[in-house]
N, C-alpha and C. Protein backbone atom coordinates (compact mmCIF):
# COMPACT_ATOMS: atom_id res chain seq x y z
N UNK A 1 -16.85 204.59 158.78
CA UNK A 1 -16.86 204.60 156.74
C UNK A 1 -17.02 205.48 156.71
N UNK A 2 -16.19 206.00 155.70
CA UNK A 2 -16.61 208.05 155.63
C UNK A 2 -16.83 208.16 153.83
N UNK A 3 -17.37 208.88 154.21
CA UNK A 3 -18.25 209.42 153.22
C UNK A 3 -18.03 210.90 152.45
N UNK A 4 -17.79 210.91 151.11
CA UNK A 4 -17.44 212.19 149.78
C UNK A 4 -19.07 212.72 149.97
N UNK A 5 -19.18 213.29 150.37
CA UNK A 5 -20.51 214.28 149.89
C UNK A 5 -20.72 214.93 147.87
N UNK A 6 -21.03 214.57 147.72
CA UNK A 6 -21.14 215.00 145.64
C UNK A 6 -20.63 216.10 145.75
N UNK A 7 -21.56 217.55 146.85
CA UNK A 7 -20.72 218.63 146.13
C UNK A 7 -19.91 218.89 146.98
N UNK A 8 -19.19 218.99 147.64
CA UNK A 8 -17.39 219.17 148.35
C UNK A 8 -16.75 218.60 147.21
N UNK A 9 -16.72 217.21 146.84
CA UNK A 9 -16.46 217.02 145.29
C UNK A 9 -15.99 218.08 143.83
N UNK A 10 -17.26 218.49 143.75
CA UNK A 10 -17.92 219.53 142.72
C UNK A 10 -17.09 220.98 143.06
N UNK A 11 -16.87 220.84 144.54
CA UNK A 11 -16.05 222.63 145.14
C UNK A 11 -15.32 222.14 144.52
N UNK A 12 -14.25 221.08 144.89
CA UNK A 12 -13.11 220.17 145.11
C UNK A 12 -12.48 220.48 143.78
N UNK A 13 -13.70 219.72 142.79
CA UNK A 13 -13.00 220.82 141.38
C UNK A 13 -13.10 221.52 141.07
N UNK A 14 -14.46 222.41 141.15
CA UNK A 14 -14.39 223.50 140.60
C UNK A 14 -13.35 225.18 140.64
N UNK A 15 -13.23 224.66 141.80
CA UNK A 15 -11.77 225.09 142.53
C UNK A 15 -10.15 225.30 141.85
N UNK A 16 -9.91 223.59 141.18
CA UNK A 16 -8.78 223.18 140.61
C UNK A 16 -9.02 223.23 139.19
N UNK A 17 -10.10 224.54 138.95
CA UNK A 17 -10.20 224.52 137.31
C UNK A 17 -10.17 226.20 137.46
N UNK A 18 -10.36 226.28 138.33
CA UNK A 18 -9.86 228.50 138.21
C UNK A 18 -7.87 228.29 138.79
N UNK A 19 -7.62 227.44 139.91
CA UNK A 19 -6.26 227.56 140.29
C UNK A 19 -5.79 227.24 138.53
N UNK A 20 -6.65 226.67 137.99
CA UNK A 20 -5.58 226.59 136.80
C UNK A 20 -5.89 227.05 135.64
N UNK A 21 -6.46 228.20 136.00
CA UNK A 21 -6.78 229.39 134.37
C UNK A 21 -8.13 229.16 133.94
N UNK A 22 -8.94 228.20 133.90
CA UNK A 22 -10.08 227.87 133.38
C UNK A 22 -11.37 228.64 133.75
N UNK A 23 -11.41 230.27 134.12
CA UNK A 23 -12.65 230.63 134.75
C UNK A 23 -13.15 231.66 133.84
N UNK A 24 -12.22 232.13 132.49
CA UNK A 24 -12.56 233.28 131.68
C UNK A 24 -13.10 234.16 132.88
N UNK A 25 -11.84 234.88 133.91
CA UNK A 25 -12.38 235.71 134.57
C UNK A 25 -12.16 236.83 134.41
N UNK A 26 -12.49 237.85 133.87
CA UNK A 26 -12.26 239.46 133.85
C UNK A 26 -10.47 240.01 133.82
N UNK A 27 -10.88 239.96 135.40
CA UNK A 27 -9.78 240.45 136.36
C UNK A 27 -8.66 239.81 136.43
N UNK A 28 -8.56 239.09 135.28
CA UNK A 28 -6.53 238.61 135.46
C UNK A 28 -6.10 239.00 134.57
N UNK A 29 -4.64 239.53 134.98
CA UNK A 29 -3.92 239.82 134.19
C UNK A 29 -3.15 239.31 133.56
N UNK A 30 -3.19 240.08 132.53
CA UNK A 30 -2.69 239.45 131.14
C UNK A 30 -1.61 238.92 131.10
N UNK A 31 -0.31 239.09 132.27
CA UNK A 31 0.93 238.30 132.44
C UNK A 31 0.23 237.27 133.48
N UNK A 32 -0.90 236.90 133.68
CA UNK A 32 -0.97 236.09 134.23
C UNK A 32 -1.87 234.77 133.52
N UNK A 33 -1.99 235.69 132.54
CA UNK A 33 -3.26 235.02 131.07
C UNK A 33 -1.44 233.93 130.88
N UNK A 34 -0.83 235.34 130.17
CA UNK A 34 0.58 234.45 129.56
C UNK A 34 2.06 233.49 130.01
N UNK A 35 1.23 233.61 131.81
CA UNK A 35 1.74 232.74 132.36
C UNK A 35 1.55 231.36 132.21
N UNK A 36 -0.20 230.96 132.29
CA UNK A 36 -0.20 229.69 131.80
C UNK A 36 -0.52 229.29 131.25
N UNK A 37 -0.55 229.92 130.03
CA UNK A 37 -0.24 229.65 128.12
C UNK A 37 0.64 229.57 128.73
N UNK A 38 2.49 229.56 129.58
CA UNK A 38 3.36 229.15 128.51
C UNK A 38 3.35 227.48 129.68
N UNK A 39 2.21 227.05 130.47
CA UNK A 39 2.67 225.80 131.18
C UNK A 39 2.31 224.78 129.57
N UNK A 40 1.23 224.53 128.96
CA UNK A 40 0.82 223.89 128.49
C UNK A 40 2.33 223.64 126.98
N UNK A 41 2.42 224.97 126.91
CA UNK A 41 3.58 225.05 125.89
C UNK A 41 5.06 224.39 126.02
N UNK A 42 5.49 224.84 127.62
CA UNK A 42 5.80 224.12 128.04
C UNK A 42 6.22 222.43 127.70
N UNK A 43 5.36 221.91 127.91
CA UNK A 43 4.50 220.16 127.99
C UNK A 43 4.75 220.56 127.29
N UNK A 44 3.93 220.52 126.28
CA UNK A 44 4.02 220.20 124.35
C UNK A 44 5.51 220.51 123.67
N UNK A 45 6.63 221.08 124.21
CA UNK A 45 7.75 220.92 124.01
C UNK A 45 8.72 219.92 124.25
N UNK A 46 8.45 219.90 125.57
CA UNK A 46 9.34 218.91 126.38
C UNK A 46 8.77 217.16 125.82
N UNK A 47 7.97 217.21 125.25
CA UNK A 47 6.86 215.78 124.60
C UNK A 47 7.55 215.95 123.37
N UNK A 48 7.35 217.34 122.36
CA UNK A 48 9.10 217.03 120.86
C UNK A 48 10.34 216.78 121.05
N UNK A 49 10.05 216.97 121.43
CA UNK A 49 12.59 217.64 121.35
C UNK A 49 12.62 216.65 122.35
N UNK A 50 12.43 215.96 123.74
CA UNK A 50 12.65 215.58 124.17
C UNK A 50 12.91 213.52 124.14
N UNK A 51 11.99 213.12 123.55
CA UNK A 51 11.92 210.95 122.78
C UNK A 51 13.45 211.48 121.92
N UNK A 52 13.54 212.06 121.42
CA UNK A 52 15.03 211.48 119.74
C UNK A 52 16.46 211.74 120.53
N UNK A 53 16.72 212.54 121.30
CA UNK A 53 17.98 213.15 122.72
C UNK A 53 17.42 210.84 123.41
N UNK A 54 16.58 211.06 124.32
CA UNK A 54 16.11 210.28 124.72
C UNK A 54 16.69 208.59 124.35
N UNK A 55 16.02 208.74 122.84
CA UNK A 55 16.37 208.15 122.31
C UNK A 55 17.75 207.15 121.51
N UNK A 56 18.07 208.09 121.38
CA UNK A 56 19.51 207.98 120.77
C UNK A 56 20.98 207.87 121.88
N UNK A 57 20.41 207.82 123.97
CA UNK A 57 20.80 208.03 124.90
C UNK A 57 20.88 205.88 125.01
N UNK A 58 18.70 206.10 124.15
CA UNK A 58 19.22 204.82 124.98
C UNK A 58 19.30 203.34 124.28
N UNK A 59 20.13 203.92 122.84
CA UNK A 59 20.21 202.95 121.70
C UNK A 59 22.13 203.30 121.87
N UNK A 60 22.42 204.34 122.37
CA UNK A 60 24.14 204.17 122.45
C UNK A 60 24.41 202.85 123.87
N UNK A 61 22.72 203.16 124.54
CA UNK A 61 23.55 202.19 126.20
C UNK A 61 23.23 200.76 125.62
N UNK A 62 22.62 200.48 124.73
CA UNK A 62 22.29 199.15 124.41
C UNK A 62 22.77 198.63 123.64
N UNK A 63 23.89 199.30 122.49
CA UNK A 63 25.17 199.50 121.71
C UNK A 63 26.76 198.79 122.63
N UNK A 64 26.59 199.70 123.53
CA UNK A 64 27.45 199.31 124.77
C UNK A 64 27.47 198.28 124.98
N UNK A 65 26.46 198.08 126.22
CA UNK A 65 26.05 196.88 126.26
C UNK A 65 26.41 195.56 125.41
N UNK A 66 26.03 195.59 124.55
CA UNK A 66 26.34 194.56 123.84
C UNK A 66 28.14 194.33 123.25
N UNK A 67 29.08 195.24 122.69
CA UNK A 67 29.69 195.25 122.89
C UNK A 67 30.52 194.57 123.74
N UNK A 68 30.28 195.60 125.11
CA UNK A 68 30.98 194.61 126.42
C UNK A 68 30.82 192.74 126.70
N UNK A 69 29.30 192.73 126.51
CA UNK A 69 29.32 191.66 126.24
C UNK A 69 30.26 191.16 125.59
N UNK A 70 30.08 190.99 123.91
CA UNK A 70 31.09 190.22 122.99
C UNK A 70 32.24 190.29 123.37
N UNK A 71 33.00 191.35 124.06
CA UNK A 71 33.96 191.76 124.41
C UNK A 71 34.58 190.38 125.44
N UNK A 72 33.18 190.30 126.39
CA UNK A 72 33.10 189.33 127.52
C UNK A 72 34.02 187.29 127.03
N UNK A 73 32.71 187.63 125.96
CA UNK A 73 32.57 186.85 124.77
C UNK A 73 34.22 186.06 124.69
N UNK A 74 34.09 186.68 124.24
CA UNK A 74 36.09 186.96 123.17
C UNK A 74 36.52 186.01 123.94
N UNK A 75 36.91 187.06 125.28
CA UNK A 75 38.01 186.55 126.12
C UNK A 75 37.64 185.66 126.94
N UNK A 76 36.60 184.70 127.19
CA UNK A 76 36.26 183.22 127.77
C UNK A 76 37.14 182.26 126.93
N UNK A 77 37.86 180.87 127.52
CA UNK A 77 38.53 180.16 127.22
C UNK A 77 37.11 179.01 126.71
N UNK A 78 37.06 178.90 125.31
CA UNK A 78 35.88 178.28 124.68
C UNK A 78 36.40 176.77 124.82
N UNK A 79 35.62 176.10 125.23
CA UNK A 79 35.74 174.38 124.82
C UNK A 79 35.63 174.25 123.68
N UNK A 80 36.39 173.01 123.12
CA UNK A 80 37.00 172.82 121.87
C UNK A 80 36.17 171.20 121.78
N UNK A 81 36.12 170.20 121.39
CA UNK A 81 35.50 169.53 120.37
C UNK A 81 35.96 168.07 121.00
N UNK A 82 37.62 168.21 120.81
CA UNK A 82 38.19 167.75 121.12
C UNK A 82 38.15 167.12 123.35
N UNK A 83 37.78 168.40 123.64
CA UNK A 83 37.53 168.07 124.87
C UNK A 83 36.19 167.39 125.38
N UNK A 84 35.32 167.65 124.16
CA UNK A 84 33.52 167.04 124.71
C UNK A 84 33.91 165.79 124.16
N UNK A 85 35.05 164.93 123.44
CA UNK A 85 35.05 163.32 123.12
C UNK A 85 34.75 162.28 124.26
N UNK A 86 33.83 161.16 123.98
CA UNK A 86 33.73 160.40 125.04
C UNK A 86 32.63 160.85 125.28
N UNK A 87 31.98 161.62 125.03
CA UNK A 87 30.38 161.92 125.46
C UNK A 87 29.31 161.57 125.02
N UNK A 88 28.29 161.18 125.74
CA UNK A 88 26.86 160.30 124.75
C UNK A 88 25.73 161.02 125.06
N UNK A 89 24.77 161.17 124.63
CA UNK A 89 24.03 161.77 124.62
C UNK A 89 22.38 161.00 124.72
N UNK A 90 21.74 160.63 125.85
CA UNK A 90 21.24 159.36 126.67
C UNK A 90 19.71 159.69 126.32
N UNK A 91 19.23 161.30 126.83
CA UNK A 91 18.25 161.41 126.50
C UNK A 91 17.99 162.73 126.29
N UNK A 92 16.37 163.55 126.08
CA UNK A 92 16.85 164.44 125.57
C UNK A 92 14.94 165.35 126.20
N UNK A 93 15.17 166.22 126.87
CA UNK A 93 14.20 165.78 127.77
C UNK A 93 13.80 167.67 127.62
N UNK A 94 12.38 168.09 128.12
CA UNK A 94 12.24 169.52 128.55
C UNK A 94 13.41 170.59 129.39
N UNK A 95 13.49 169.35 130.36
CA UNK A 95 14.13 170.10 131.93
C UNK A 95 15.60 169.91 131.11
N UNK A 96 15.88 169.36 129.85
CA UNK A 96 17.44 168.97 129.51
C UNK A 96 18.31 167.71 128.72
N UNK A 97 18.90 167.67 128.21
CA UNK A 97 19.93 166.15 127.83
C UNK A 97 20.85 165.99 129.34
N UNK A 98 20.41 164.54 129.08
CA UNK A 98 21.51 163.76 130.42
C UNK A 98 22.53 163.23 129.47
N UNK A 99 23.47 163.78 129.83
CA UNK A 99 24.91 162.70 128.74
C UNK A 99 25.33 161.79 129.72
N UNK A 100 26.18 160.84 129.78
CA UNK A 100 27.35 160.05 130.08
C UNK A 100 28.50 159.72 129.85
N UNK A 101 29.57 160.61 130.76
CA UNK A 101 31.31 160.51 129.98
C UNK A 101 31.95 159.06 130.32
N UNK A 102 32.50 158.80 129.56
CA UNK A 102 33.11 157.69 129.04
C UNK A 102 34.59 158.30 128.80
N UNK A 103 35.07 156.70 129.88
CA UNK A 103 36.85 157.29 129.65
C UNK A 103 37.61 158.46 131.26
N UNK A 104 36.42 159.56 130.81
CA UNK A 104 37.19 160.21 132.25
C UNK A 104 36.33 160.45 133.49
N UNK A 105 38.07 160.67 134.23
CA UNK A 105 37.56 160.00 135.70
C UNK A 105 38.00 161.17 136.33
N UNK A 106 36.66 161.63 137.11
CA UNK A 106 36.77 162.95 137.53
C UNK A 106 37.13 163.26 139.33
N UNK A 107 38.25 163.60 139.78
CA UNK A 107 38.81 163.29 140.79
C UNK A 107 37.47 164.42 141.59
N UNK A 108 37.75 163.22 142.77
CA UNK A 108 36.94 164.56 143.85
C UNK A 108 36.51 166.25 144.47
N UNK A 109 35.96 166.57 144.21
CA UNK A 109 36.01 168.38 144.64
C UNK A 109 36.55 168.89 143.75
N UNK A 110 36.47 168.03 142.16
CA UNK A 110 36.97 168.74 141.48
C UNK A 110 35.64 169.71 140.28
N UNK A 111 35.23 170.56 139.83
CA UNK A 111 34.84 171.27 139.23
C UNK A 111 34.65 171.21 137.80
């Protein structure tokens, strides 16, 4: 069982804080401070600018899928009411409906 001493955890957190620039060090160069400020500024600008284009792309992709599905559905052969004549529904349950076909002879191996 390995245990981490609380002092080691604090030392790592202090090191991280200094590495990120939160140390009020007077010896830091002005260029270092500007570079540090550019990081959060870039993150904030990305978080505000990126979502609208992403939402537009997602919407266009979804609409394209809906149009494709509608085109595929329209091109399929629809079964009319005449093809379903002679069907009697005998029971409707939770797993679906049981139906009896009258006057329809199925060939072996037919689908």
